[in-house]
N, C-alpha and C. Protein backbone atom coordinates (compact mmCIF):
# COMPACT_ATOMS: atom_id res chain seq x y z
N MET A 1 -126.29 -25.09 117.28
CA MET A 1 -125.12 -24.33 116.82
C MET A 1 -125.34 -23.78 115.42
N ASN A 2 -125.02 -22.55 115.19
CA ASN A 2 -125.24 -21.93 113.87
C ASN A 2 -124.20 -22.46 112.88
N ASP A 3 -124.65 -22.58 111.62
CA ASP A 3 -123.73 -22.96 110.57
C ASP A 3 -122.78 -21.79 110.25
N HIS A 4 -121.53 -22.13 109.94
CA HIS A 4 -120.63 -21.19 109.31
C HIS A 4 -120.59 -21.48 107.83
N TYR A 5 -120.14 -20.52 107.04
CA TYR A 5 -120.06 -20.78 105.61
C TYR A 5 -118.99 -21.81 105.27
N TYR A 6 -118.12 -22.12 106.24
CA TYR A 6 -117.13 -23.18 106.04
C TYR A 6 -117.52 -24.47 106.75
N THR A 7 -118.81 -24.62 107.11
CA THR A 7 -119.36 -25.87 107.61
C THR A 7 -119.49 -26.83 106.42
N SER A 8 -119.11 -28.10 106.63
CA SER A 8 -119.14 -29.03 105.49
C SER A 8 -120.55 -29.40 105.07
N SER A 9 -121.46 -29.55 106.05
CA SER A 9 -122.83 -29.96 105.76
C SER A 9 -123.81 -29.03 106.51
N PRO A 10 -124.11 -27.86 105.97
CA PRO A 10 -125.02 -26.94 106.66
C PRO A 10 -126.38 -27.57 106.94
N THR A 11 -126.95 -27.25 108.07
CA THR A 11 -128.26 -27.76 108.44
C THR A 11 -129.30 -26.66 108.51
N SER A 12 -128.89 -25.43 108.26
CA SER A 12 -129.83 -24.31 108.30
C SER A 12 -130.89 -24.47 107.21
N GLU A 13 -132.05 -23.92 107.47
CA GLU A 13 -133.15 -23.99 106.51
C GLU A 13 -132.78 -23.27 105.23
N HIS A 14 -133.17 -23.85 104.09
CA HIS A 14 -132.87 -23.21 102.82
C HIS A 14 -133.65 -21.91 102.69
N ARG A 15 -132.94 -20.88 102.22
CA ARG A 15 -133.56 -19.60 101.91
C ARG A 15 -132.92 -19.10 100.61
N TYR A 16 -133.41 -19.61 99.50
CA TYR A 16 -132.82 -19.28 98.22
C TYR A 16 -133.03 -17.82 97.87
N ALA A 17 -132.04 -17.23 97.21
CA ALA A 17 -132.13 -15.84 96.79
C ALA A 17 -131.40 -15.69 95.48
N PRO A 18 -132.01 -15.00 94.49
CA PRO A 18 -131.33 -14.80 93.22
C PRO A 18 -130.28 -13.71 93.35
N CYS A 19 -129.32 -13.73 92.44
CA CYS A 19 -128.28 -12.69 92.40
C CYS A 19 -127.89 -12.46 90.94
N ASP A 20 -128.07 -11.26 90.47
CA ASP A 20 -127.64 -10.88 89.11
C ASP A 20 -126.35 -10.07 89.23
N TYR A 21 -125.42 -10.34 88.31
CA TYR A 21 -124.11 -9.70 88.38
C TYR A 21 -123.56 -9.61 86.97
N GLU A 22 -122.93 -8.48 86.64
CA GLU A 22 -122.28 -8.34 85.34
C GLU A 22 -120.80 -8.26 85.51
N TYR A 23 -120.09 -9.12 84.80
CA TYR A 23 -118.63 -9.14 84.90
C TYR A 23 -117.98 -8.90 83.56
N ARG A 24 -117.36 -7.76 83.42
CA ARG A 24 -116.63 -7.39 82.19
C ARG A 24 -117.49 -7.63 80.95
N GLY A 25 -118.74 -7.16 81.02
CA GLY A 25 -119.64 -7.24 79.90
C GLY A 25 -120.43 -8.54 79.81
N CYS A 26 -120.23 -9.45 80.73
CA CYS A 26 -120.93 -10.73 80.73
C CYS A 26 -122.01 -10.71 81.82
N PRO A 27 -123.31 -10.70 81.43
CA PRO A 27 -124.36 -10.78 82.45
C PRO A 27 -124.46 -12.19 83.01
N LEU A 28 -124.57 -12.27 84.32
CA LEU A 28 -124.60 -13.56 85.00
C LEU A 28 -125.79 -13.62 85.97
N HIS A 29 -126.32 -14.83 86.13
CA HIS A 29 -127.48 -15.03 86.99
C HIS A 29 -127.19 -16.20 87.91
N PHE A 30 -127.26 -15.94 89.21
CA PHE A 30 -126.90 -16.94 90.23
C PHE A 30 -128.09 -17.25 91.13
N THR A 31 -128.05 -18.43 91.72
CA THR A 31 -128.92 -18.78 92.85
C THR A 31 -128.03 -18.91 94.07
N THR A 32 -128.40 -18.25 95.16
CA THR A 32 -127.68 -18.32 96.41
C THR A 32 -128.59 -18.89 97.48
N ASP A 33 -128.04 -19.12 98.69
CA ASP A 33 -128.82 -19.78 99.73
C ASP A 33 -128.26 -19.44 101.11
N ALA A 34 -129.05 -19.68 102.13
CA ALA A 34 -128.56 -19.59 103.48
C ALA A 34 -127.52 -20.68 103.71
N GLY A 35 -126.61 -20.44 104.67
CA GLY A 35 -125.59 -21.44 104.97
C GLY A 35 -124.40 -21.37 104.05
N VAL A 36 -124.41 -20.39 103.15
CA VAL A 36 -123.34 -20.19 102.17
C VAL A 36 -122.94 -18.72 102.20
N PHE A 37 -121.67 -18.44 102.03
CA PHE A 37 -121.15 -17.07 102.12
C PHE A 37 -121.85 -16.14 101.14
N SER A 38 -122.25 -14.98 101.66
CA SER A 38 -122.76 -13.87 100.88
C SER A 38 -124.06 -14.21 100.11
N ARG A 39 -125.08 -14.55 100.87
CA ARG A 39 -126.39 -14.85 100.28
C ARG A 39 -126.94 -13.60 99.62
N GLY A 40 -127.39 -13.75 98.37
CA GLY A 40 -128.13 -12.71 97.66
C GLY A 40 -127.32 -11.67 96.94
N GLU A 41 -125.99 -11.70 97.10
CA GLU A 41 -125.19 -10.69 96.40
C GLU A 41 -123.73 -11.14 96.28
N VAL A 42 -123.05 -10.58 95.29
CA VAL A 42 -121.59 -10.72 95.23
C VAL A 42 -121.03 -9.72 96.22
N ASP A 43 -120.35 -10.21 97.25
CA ASP A 43 -119.83 -9.34 98.31
C ASP A 43 -118.79 -8.37 97.74
N PHE A 44 -118.62 -7.26 98.41
CA PHE A 44 -117.73 -6.20 97.94
C PHE A 44 -116.30 -6.70 97.70
N GLY A 45 -115.78 -7.49 98.65
CA GLY A 45 -114.42 -7.98 98.52
C GLY A 45 -114.22 -8.85 97.29
N THR A 46 -115.19 -9.74 97.01
CA THR A 46 -115.09 -10.58 95.82
C THR A 46 -115.18 -9.74 94.55
N ASP A 47 -116.03 -8.71 94.57
CA ASP A 47 -116.14 -7.81 93.41
C ASP A 47 -114.82 -7.10 93.16
N VAL A 48 -114.19 -6.61 94.21
CA VAL A 48 -112.89 -5.95 94.06
C VAL A 48 -111.86 -6.94 93.52
N LEU A 49 -111.88 -8.15 94.04
CA LEU A 49 -110.94 -9.18 93.57
C LEU A 49 -111.12 -9.48 92.11
N LEU A 50 -112.35 -9.72 91.70
CA LEU A 50 -112.63 -10.06 90.29
C LEU A 50 -112.17 -8.95 89.33
N ASN A 51 -112.42 -7.71 89.74
CA ASN A 51 -112.09 -6.59 88.86
C ASN A 51 -110.63 -6.23 88.88
N ALA A 52 -109.85 -6.84 89.80
CA ALA A 52 -108.40 -6.62 89.83
C ALA A 52 -107.64 -7.70 89.06
N LEU A 53 -108.34 -8.71 88.56
CA LEU A 53 -107.66 -9.78 87.84
C LEU A 53 -107.08 -9.27 86.54
N PRO A 54 -106.10 -9.98 85.97
CA PRO A 54 -105.50 -9.54 84.71
C PRO A 54 -106.49 -9.48 83.57
N ASP A 55 -106.09 -8.87 82.48
CA ASP A 55 -106.96 -8.75 81.31
C ASP A 55 -107.18 -10.09 80.63
N SER A 56 -106.31 -11.05 80.87
CA SER A 56 -106.46 -12.36 80.25
C SER A 56 -106.06 -13.46 81.22
N LEU A 57 -106.92 -14.46 81.35
CA LEU A 57 -106.63 -15.66 82.12
C LEU A 57 -106.60 -16.83 81.15
N TYR A 58 -105.87 -17.86 81.49
CA TYR A 58 -105.71 -19.02 80.59
C TYR A 58 -105.38 -20.25 81.44
N GLY A 59 -105.44 -21.40 80.79
CA GLY A 59 -105.03 -22.63 81.43
C GLY A 59 -105.99 -23.08 82.53
N ARG A 60 -105.43 -23.68 83.56
CA ARG A 60 -106.21 -24.19 84.69
C ARG A 60 -106.33 -23.11 85.76
N VAL A 61 -107.57 -22.84 86.16
CA VAL A 61 -107.87 -21.81 87.14
C VAL A 61 -108.64 -22.42 88.29
N LEU A 62 -108.16 -22.21 89.52
CA LEU A 62 -108.82 -22.74 90.70
C LEU A 62 -109.49 -21.60 91.46
N ASP A 63 -110.80 -21.73 91.69
CA ASP A 63 -111.53 -20.86 92.60
C ASP A 63 -111.59 -21.60 93.94
N LEU A 64 -110.73 -21.21 94.85
CA LEU A 64 -110.60 -21.90 96.13
C LEU A 64 -111.47 -21.26 97.19
N GLY A 65 -112.34 -22.07 97.81
CA GLY A 65 -113.37 -21.53 98.69
C GLY A 65 -114.43 -20.84 97.88
N CYS A 66 -114.96 -21.59 96.91
CA CYS A 66 -115.75 -20.99 95.84
C CYS A 66 -117.12 -20.49 96.27
N GLY A 67 -117.64 -20.97 97.43
CA GLY A 67 -118.99 -20.59 97.79
C GLY A 67 -119.96 -21.01 96.67
N TRP A 68 -120.89 -20.12 96.34
CA TRP A 68 -121.87 -20.48 95.30
C TRP A 68 -121.36 -20.21 93.89
N GLY A 69 -120.06 -19.88 93.77
CA GLY A 69 -119.43 -19.88 92.44
C GLY A 69 -119.22 -18.53 91.79
N ALA A 70 -119.27 -17.45 92.54
CA ALA A 70 -119.14 -16.12 91.95
C ALA A 70 -117.88 -15.99 91.13
N VAL A 71 -116.75 -16.35 91.68
CA VAL A 71 -115.47 -16.19 90.99
C VAL A 71 -115.33 -17.18 89.84
N GLY A 72 -115.50 -18.45 90.12
CA GLY A 72 -115.30 -19.47 89.09
C GLY A 72 -116.19 -19.33 87.89
N VAL A 73 -117.47 -19.02 88.14
CA VAL A 73 -118.42 -18.86 87.03
C VAL A 73 -118.12 -17.59 86.25
N SER A 74 -117.77 -16.50 86.97
CA SER A 74 -117.43 -15.26 86.26
C SER A 74 -116.23 -15.45 85.36
N VAL A 75 -115.19 -16.13 85.88
CA VAL A 75 -113.99 -16.38 85.09
C VAL A 75 -114.30 -17.28 83.91
N GLY A 76 -115.06 -18.34 84.13
CA GLY A 76 -115.39 -19.27 83.07
C GLY A 76 -116.22 -18.63 81.97
N LYS A 77 -117.06 -17.68 82.34
CA LYS A 77 -117.90 -17.00 81.34
C LYS A 77 -117.05 -16.00 80.55
N ARG A 78 -116.19 -15.27 81.24
CA ARG A 78 -115.37 -14.26 80.55
C ARG A 78 -114.24 -14.87 79.71
N TRP A 79 -113.65 -15.95 80.21
CA TRP A 79 -112.57 -16.61 79.52
C TRP A 79 -112.89 -18.10 79.33
N PRO A 80 -113.77 -18.42 78.37
CA PRO A 80 -114.28 -19.79 78.25
C PRO A 80 -113.23 -20.82 77.88
N GLY A 81 -112.05 -20.36 77.48
CA GLY A 81 -110.98 -21.32 77.17
C GLY A 81 -110.29 -21.87 78.42
N CYS A 82 -110.56 -21.29 79.55
CA CYS A 82 -109.95 -21.75 80.81
C CYS A 82 -110.59 -23.07 81.28
N THR A 83 -109.81 -23.87 81.95
CA THR A 83 -110.34 -25.05 82.66
C THR A 83 -110.53 -24.63 84.10
N VAL A 84 -111.79 -24.50 84.50
CA VAL A 84 -112.12 -23.96 85.81
C VAL A 84 -112.43 -25.09 86.79
N VAL A 85 -111.77 -25.01 87.95
CA VAL A 85 -112.06 -25.94 89.06
C VAL A 85 -112.52 -25.09 90.24
N MET A 86 -113.62 -25.48 90.86
CA MET A 86 -114.15 -24.77 92.03
C MET A 86 -114.14 -25.71 93.22
N GLY A 87 -113.48 -25.30 94.29
CA GLY A 87 -113.36 -26.14 95.45
C GLY A 87 -113.91 -25.47 96.71
N ASP A 88 -114.60 -26.23 97.53
CA ASP A 88 -115.12 -25.71 98.79
C ASP A 88 -115.39 -26.88 99.73
N VAL A 89 -115.32 -26.66 101.02
CA VAL A 89 -115.65 -27.69 101.99
C VAL A 89 -117.16 -27.84 102.16
N ASN A 90 -117.92 -26.83 101.76
CA ASN A 90 -119.34 -26.73 102.02
C ASN A 90 -120.14 -27.43 100.91
N GLU A 91 -120.83 -28.52 101.24
CA GLU A 91 -121.57 -29.27 100.24
C GLU A 91 -122.67 -28.44 99.57
N ARG A 92 -123.35 -27.64 100.36
CA ARG A 92 -124.41 -26.80 99.82
C ARG A 92 -123.85 -25.78 98.84
N ALA A 93 -122.70 -25.21 99.20
CA ALA A 93 -122.06 -24.25 98.28
C ALA A 93 -121.70 -24.91 96.97
N LEU A 94 -121.13 -26.10 97.04
CA LEU A 94 -120.73 -26.77 95.79
C LEU A 94 -121.91 -27.12 94.90
N SER A 95 -123.00 -27.53 95.51
CA SER A 95 -124.20 -27.83 94.73
C SER A 95 -124.67 -26.57 94.00
N LEU A 96 -124.66 -25.44 94.70
CA LEU A 96 -125.03 -24.18 94.06
C LEU A 96 -124.04 -23.79 92.98
N ALA A 97 -122.74 -23.96 93.25
CA ALA A 97 -121.72 -23.58 92.27
C ALA A 97 -121.89 -24.37 91.00
N SER A 98 -122.17 -25.67 91.13
CA SER A 98 -122.39 -26.51 89.96
C SER A 98 -123.62 -26.07 89.19
N GLN A 99 -124.70 -25.80 89.93
CA GLN A 99 -125.94 -25.35 89.33
C GLN A 99 -125.75 -23.98 88.63
N ASN A 100 -125.02 -23.09 89.25
CA ASN A 100 -124.80 -21.76 88.69
C ASN A 100 -123.92 -21.81 87.46
N ALA A 101 -122.97 -22.74 87.45
CA ALA A 101 -122.15 -22.89 86.23
C ALA A 101 -123.02 -23.33 85.07
N ARG A 102 -123.84 -24.31 85.28
CA ARG A 102 -124.73 -24.79 84.20
C ARG A 102 -125.70 -23.69 83.75
N LYS A 103 -126.24 -22.97 84.71
CA LYS A 103 -127.20 -21.92 84.41
C LYS A 103 -126.60 -20.86 83.50
N ASN A 104 -125.28 -20.61 83.66
CA ASN A 104 -124.61 -19.56 82.88
C ASN A 104 -123.81 -20.09 81.72
N GLY A 105 -123.97 -21.38 81.41
CA GLY A 105 -123.32 -21.95 80.24
C GLY A 105 -121.82 -22.12 80.44
N VAL A 106 -121.39 -22.34 81.68
CA VAL A 106 -119.96 -22.48 82.00
C VAL A 106 -119.66 -23.94 82.34
N THR A 107 -118.59 -24.44 81.78
CA THR A 107 -118.11 -25.77 82.13
C THR A 107 -117.08 -25.64 83.24
N ALA A 108 -117.37 -26.31 84.37
CA ALA A 108 -116.44 -26.23 85.50
C ALA A 108 -116.55 -27.51 86.33
N GLN A 109 -115.45 -27.87 86.95
CA GLN A 109 -115.43 -29.02 87.85
C GLN A 109 -115.58 -28.52 89.29
N THR A 110 -116.40 -29.19 90.07
CA THR A 110 -116.53 -28.84 91.48
C THR A 110 -115.98 -29.99 92.32
N VAL A 111 -115.26 -29.61 93.36
CA VAL A 111 -114.60 -30.62 94.23
C VAL A 111 -114.82 -30.23 95.69
N GLN A 112 -115.39 -31.17 96.45
CA GLN A 112 -115.49 -30.93 97.88
C GLN A 112 -114.12 -31.19 98.50
N SER A 113 -113.60 -30.18 99.16
CA SER A 113 -112.24 -30.28 99.67
C SER A 113 -112.06 -29.33 100.84
N ASP A 114 -111.42 -29.82 101.89
CA ASP A 114 -111.00 -28.97 103.01
C ASP A 114 -109.67 -28.36 102.59
N GLY A 115 -109.68 -27.10 102.20
CA GLY A 115 -108.48 -26.52 101.58
C GLY A 115 -108.21 -27.18 100.23
N LEU A 116 -106.97 -27.62 100.03
CA LEU A 116 -106.62 -28.24 98.74
C LEU A 116 -106.48 -29.75 98.85
N THR A 117 -106.94 -30.34 99.95
CA THR A 117 -106.72 -31.75 100.21
C THR A 117 -107.12 -32.66 99.07
N ASN A 118 -108.30 -32.40 98.47
CA ASN A 118 -108.83 -33.30 97.44
C ASN A 118 -108.71 -32.74 96.03
N ILE A 119 -107.99 -31.66 95.86
CA ILE A 119 -107.93 -31.00 94.55
C ILE A 119 -106.65 -31.44 93.82
N PRO A 120 -106.81 -32.13 92.70
CA PRO A 120 -105.65 -32.66 91.99
C PRO A 120 -105.03 -31.65 91.01
N GLY A 121 -103.77 -31.90 90.68
CA GLY A 121 -103.12 -31.14 89.64
C GLY A 121 -102.57 -29.80 90.06
N GLU A 122 -101.93 -29.12 89.10
CA GLU A 122 -101.39 -27.80 89.32
C GLU A 122 -102.17 -26.78 88.52
N PHE A 123 -101.99 -25.51 88.86
CA PHE A 123 -102.84 -24.46 88.28
C PHE A 123 -101.99 -23.28 87.79
N ASP A 124 -102.51 -22.65 86.74
CA ASP A 124 -101.91 -21.44 86.24
C ASP A 124 -102.32 -20.24 87.12
N PHE A 125 -103.55 -20.32 87.64
CA PHE A 125 -104.06 -19.27 88.51
C PHE A 125 -104.86 -19.88 89.66
N VAL A 126 -104.60 -19.38 90.85
CA VAL A 126 -105.48 -19.67 92.00
C VAL A 126 -106.06 -18.36 92.46
N ILE A 127 -107.39 -18.31 92.63
CA ILE A 127 -108.07 -17.09 93.01
C ILE A 127 -108.90 -17.42 94.23
N THR A 128 -108.77 -16.61 95.28
CA THR A 128 -109.48 -16.92 96.52
C THR A 128 -109.84 -15.66 97.33
N ASN A 129 -111.04 -15.70 97.86
CA ASN A 129 -111.46 -14.81 98.92
C ASN A 129 -111.49 -15.70 100.16
N PRO A 130 -110.38 -15.76 100.89
CA PRO A 130 -110.22 -16.82 101.90
C PRO A 130 -111.17 -16.68 103.10
N PRO A 131 -111.49 -17.82 103.75
CA PRO A 131 -112.42 -17.80 104.86
C PRO A 131 -111.77 -17.27 106.15
N ILE A 132 -111.64 -15.96 106.23
CA ILE A 132 -110.91 -15.32 107.31
C ILE A 132 -111.40 -15.80 108.69
N ARG A 133 -112.70 -15.99 108.82
CA ARG A 133 -113.26 -16.37 110.13
C ARG A 133 -112.85 -17.79 110.56
N ALA A 134 -112.30 -18.56 109.63
CA ALA A 134 -111.81 -19.88 109.99
C ALA A 134 -110.51 -19.80 110.81
N GLY A 135 -109.85 -18.62 110.78
CA GLY A 135 -108.66 -18.43 111.60
C GLY A 135 -107.40 -18.40 110.77
N LYS A 136 -106.41 -17.70 111.34
CA LYS A 136 -105.14 -17.50 110.66
C LYS A 136 -104.45 -18.81 110.32
N GLN A 137 -104.46 -19.78 111.24
CA GLN A 137 -103.80 -21.06 111.00
C GLN A 137 -104.36 -21.76 109.78
N VAL A 138 -105.68 -21.70 109.63
CA VAL A 138 -106.31 -22.35 108.49
C VAL A 138 -105.97 -21.64 107.19
N ILE A 139 -106.11 -20.33 107.17
CA ILE A 139 -105.89 -19.65 105.87
C ILE A 139 -104.39 -19.61 105.50
N TYR A 140 -103.52 -19.54 106.49
CA TYR A 140 -102.09 -19.57 106.16
C TYR A 140 -101.72 -20.95 105.62
N GLY A 141 -102.33 -21.99 106.15
CA GLY A 141 -102.13 -23.32 105.61
C GLY A 141 -102.60 -23.41 104.16
N MET A 142 -103.73 -22.78 103.86
CA MET A 142 -104.20 -22.75 102.48
C MET A 142 -103.20 -22.03 101.58
N PHE A 143 -102.69 -20.90 102.03
CA PHE A 143 -101.74 -20.16 101.21
C PHE A 143 -100.49 -21.02 100.94
N ARG A 144 -100.01 -21.70 101.97
CA ARG A 144 -98.83 -22.54 101.82
C ARG A 144 -99.07 -23.66 100.83
N ASP A 145 -100.25 -24.27 100.91
CA ASP A 145 -100.59 -25.35 99.97
C ASP A 145 -100.74 -24.81 98.54
N CYS A 146 -101.25 -23.59 98.41
CA CYS A 146 -101.40 -22.98 97.09
C CYS A 146 -100.04 -22.75 96.44
N ALA A 147 -99.07 -22.38 97.24
CA ALA A 147 -97.72 -22.15 96.68
C ALA A 147 -97.21 -23.42 96.01
N GLY A 148 -97.57 -24.57 96.53
CA GLY A 148 -97.12 -25.82 95.96
C GLY A 148 -98.01 -26.33 94.81
N LYS A 149 -99.12 -25.63 94.56
CA LYS A 149 -100.06 -26.04 93.52
C LYS A 149 -99.94 -25.22 92.26
N LEU A 150 -99.12 -24.18 92.28
CA LEU A 150 -98.99 -23.33 91.10
C LEU A 150 -97.99 -23.91 90.11
N LYS A 151 -98.34 -23.82 88.83
CA LYS A 151 -97.39 -24.16 87.80
C LYS A 151 -96.26 -23.13 87.74
N GLU A 152 -95.21 -23.44 87.02
CA GLU A 152 -94.17 -22.44 86.82
C GLU A 152 -94.79 -21.21 86.16
N ASN A 153 -94.48 -20.05 86.69
CA ASN A 153 -95.06 -18.77 86.26
C ASN A 153 -96.53 -18.60 86.69
N GLY A 154 -97.04 -19.51 87.51
CA GLY A 154 -98.39 -19.38 87.99
C GLY A 154 -98.54 -18.25 89.00
N GLU A 155 -99.79 -17.82 89.21
CA GLU A 155 -100.05 -16.69 90.09
C GLU A 155 -101.25 -16.99 91.00
N MET A 156 -101.17 -16.50 92.21
CA MET A 156 -102.31 -16.55 93.13
C MET A 156 -102.82 -15.14 93.38
N TYR A 157 -104.13 -14.98 93.35
CA TYR A 157 -104.75 -13.68 93.66
C TYR A 157 -105.71 -13.90 94.83
N LEU A 158 -105.59 -13.03 95.82
CA LEU A 158 -106.45 -13.16 97.00
C LEU A 158 -106.83 -11.76 97.49
N VAL A 159 -107.93 -11.72 98.25
CA VAL A 159 -108.40 -10.45 98.79
C VAL A 159 -108.57 -10.59 100.29
N ILE A 160 -108.09 -9.59 101.05
CA ILE A 160 -108.21 -9.57 102.49
C ILE A 160 -108.46 -8.12 102.92
N ARG A 161 -109.34 -7.94 103.89
CA ARG A 161 -109.54 -6.59 104.45
C ARG A 161 -108.32 -6.21 105.29
N LYS A 162 -107.97 -4.94 105.21
CA LYS A 162 -106.83 -4.48 106.00
C LYS A 162 -107.03 -4.76 107.48
N GLN A 163 -108.25 -4.51 107.97
CA GLN A 163 -108.50 -4.66 109.40
C GLN A 163 -108.59 -6.13 109.82
N GLN A 164 -108.61 -7.04 108.84
CA GLN A 164 -108.65 -8.46 109.17
C GLN A 164 -107.29 -9.14 108.91
N GLY A 165 -106.24 -8.32 108.78
CA GLY A 165 -104.92 -8.89 108.77
C GLY A 165 -104.19 -8.91 107.46
N ALA A 166 -104.52 -7.97 106.55
CA ALA A 166 -103.86 -7.93 105.24
C ALA A 166 -102.35 -7.77 105.39
N GLU A 167 -101.92 -6.86 106.26
CA GLU A 167 -100.50 -6.57 106.36
C GLU A 167 -99.72 -7.77 106.92
N SER A 168 -100.25 -8.45 107.94
CA SER A 168 -99.57 -9.63 108.46
C SER A 168 -99.59 -10.78 107.47
N ALA A 169 -100.68 -10.87 106.69
CA ALA A 169 -100.75 -11.91 105.66
C ALA A 169 -99.66 -11.71 104.61
N ILE A 170 -99.44 -10.45 104.22
CA ILE A 170 -98.39 -10.15 103.26
C ILE A 170 -97.02 -10.59 103.77
N LYS A 171 -96.76 -10.29 105.03
CA LYS A 171 -95.48 -10.73 105.62
C LYS A 171 -95.30 -12.23 105.53
N TYR A 172 -96.38 -12.95 105.82
CA TYR A 172 -96.31 -14.43 105.74
C TYR A 172 -96.13 -14.88 104.30
N LEU A 173 -96.91 -14.29 103.40
CA LEU A 173 -96.84 -14.70 102.00
C LEU A 173 -95.44 -14.52 101.41
N LYS A 174 -94.72 -13.50 101.88
CA LYS A 174 -93.37 -13.26 101.38
C LYS A 174 -92.38 -14.35 101.82
N THR A 175 -92.80 -15.18 102.79
CA THR A 175 -91.93 -16.31 103.18
C THR A 175 -92.14 -17.52 102.30
N ILE A 176 -93.22 -17.53 101.52
CA ILE A 176 -93.51 -18.71 100.69
C ILE A 176 -93.62 -18.42 99.21
N PHE A 177 -93.55 -17.13 98.83
CA PHE A 177 -93.58 -16.74 97.40
C PHE A 177 -92.39 -15.80 97.13
N ASP A 178 -91.91 -15.85 95.91
CA ASP A 178 -90.81 -14.96 95.51
C ASP A 178 -91.27 -13.51 95.34
N GLU A 179 -92.49 -13.34 94.83
CA GLU A 179 -93.03 -12.03 94.56
C GLU A 179 -94.40 -11.88 95.19
N VAL A 180 -94.58 -10.84 95.97
CA VAL A 180 -95.89 -10.55 96.59
C VAL A 180 -96.16 -9.07 96.42
N ASP A 181 -97.24 -8.72 95.75
CA ASP A 181 -97.58 -7.33 95.45
C ASP A 181 -99.03 -7.04 95.80
N THR A 182 -99.30 -5.87 96.34
CA THR A 182 -100.66 -5.39 96.52
C THR A 182 -101.04 -4.63 95.27
N ILE A 183 -102.01 -5.14 94.53
CA ILE A 183 -102.35 -4.57 93.22
C ILE A 183 -103.59 -3.72 93.22
N GLU A 184 -104.35 -3.77 94.31
CA GLU A 184 -105.58 -2.96 94.40
C GLU A 184 -105.94 -2.76 95.86
N LYS A 185 -106.44 -1.56 96.16
CA LYS A 185 -106.98 -1.27 97.48
C LYS A 185 -108.28 -0.50 97.26
N SER A 186 -109.34 -1.02 97.89
CA SER A 186 -110.63 -0.38 97.72
C SER A 186 -111.54 -0.72 98.91
N GLY A 187 -112.07 0.32 99.55
CA GLY A 187 -113.00 0.12 100.63
C GLY A 187 -112.45 -0.70 101.78
N GLY A 188 -111.17 -0.63 102.01
CA GLY A 188 -110.54 -1.40 103.07
C GLY A 188 -110.09 -2.79 102.66
N PHE A 189 -110.39 -3.20 101.42
CA PHE A 189 -109.98 -4.50 100.91
C PHE A 189 -108.69 -4.36 100.09
N TRP A 190 -107.76 -5.27 100.30
CA TRP A 190 -106.53 -5.32 99.55
C TRP A 190 -106.51 -6.57 98.70
N VAL A 191 -106.21 -6.41 97.42
CA VAL A 191 -106.02 -7.54 96.52
C VAL A 191 -104.50 -7.79 96.37
N ILE A 192 -104.09 -8.99 96.64
CA ILE A 192 -102.67 -9.35 96.69
C ILE A 192 -102.38 -10.38 95.59
N ARG A 193 -101.32 -10.15 94.84
CA ARG A 193 -100.86 -11.08 93.81
C ARG A 193 -99.55 -11.73 94.25
N CYS A 194 -99.48 -13.04 94.14
CA CYS A 194 -98.29 -13.80 94.56
C CYS A 194 -97.80 -14.63 93.37
N LYS A 195 -96.49 -14.62 93.20
CA LYS A 195 -95.85 -15.39 92.15
C LYS A 195 -94.64 -16.16 92.69
N GLY A 196 -94.27 -17.20 92.01
CA GLY A 196 -93.04 -17.91 92.36
C GLY A 196 -93.11 -18.65 93.67
N GLY A 197 -94.06 -19.57 93.78
CA GLY A 197 -94.18 -20.35 94.99
C GLY A 197 -92.90 -21.14 95.29
N LYS A 198 -92.41 -21.03 96.50
CA LYS A 198 -91.16 -21.73 96.90
C LYS A 198 -91.49 -23.15 97.30
N LYS A 199 -91.65 -24.00 96.28
CA LYS A 199 -92.15 -25.34 96.50
C LYS A 199 -91.22 -26.17 97.40
N ASP A 200 -89.95 -25.88 97.35
CA ASP A 200 -89.01 -26.64 98.18
C ASP A 200 -89.22 -26.37 99.65
N GLU A 201 -89.98 -25.31 99.99
CA GLU A 201 -90.22 -24.96 101.39
C GLU A 201 -91.62 -25.32 101.82
N VAL A 202 -92.42 -25.86 100.90
CA VAL A 202 -93.80 -26.14 101.21
C VAL A 202 -93.97 -27.54 101.72
């Protein structure tokens, strides 16, 4: 059986590949691998998501479904005052994320977690390129859990392709957040910002 990027312990043969990326003037150097999402490059959706983030991030920031760390490391490098947590179910991804943080001089915590199960505390920002292929039930559960993990005035940013259910996701998100806005559309990808998690309904 082939590994998915949301497999907890990939068994596919290692095929390391470097990835260079510049984020808001910060040059970054990553190591990627087989068995982890987007080997060898920052995928287009993640790039659109990163460049749609606000001009300033602060406090505790969660990169949920971090893969090899593109979002968490980029955020930690650009806003070093943030406390960055990177979570993923994939052990290989987390090992790479930790390695990539160190390589780029970023301090970040990595947590193996199926969704938010093992991730402690609340966050000022949650940023995610969700694992669409895991299915709607899984990702909607993640969104619901995120609503309960945001601090007061906290925000969640996520990216979804229109053809993979962006419009239906927005309808669901409006049932668990007070404010849901599409802040960017590019190449079929929509970046959605959510505020005001309805914790009493989570």
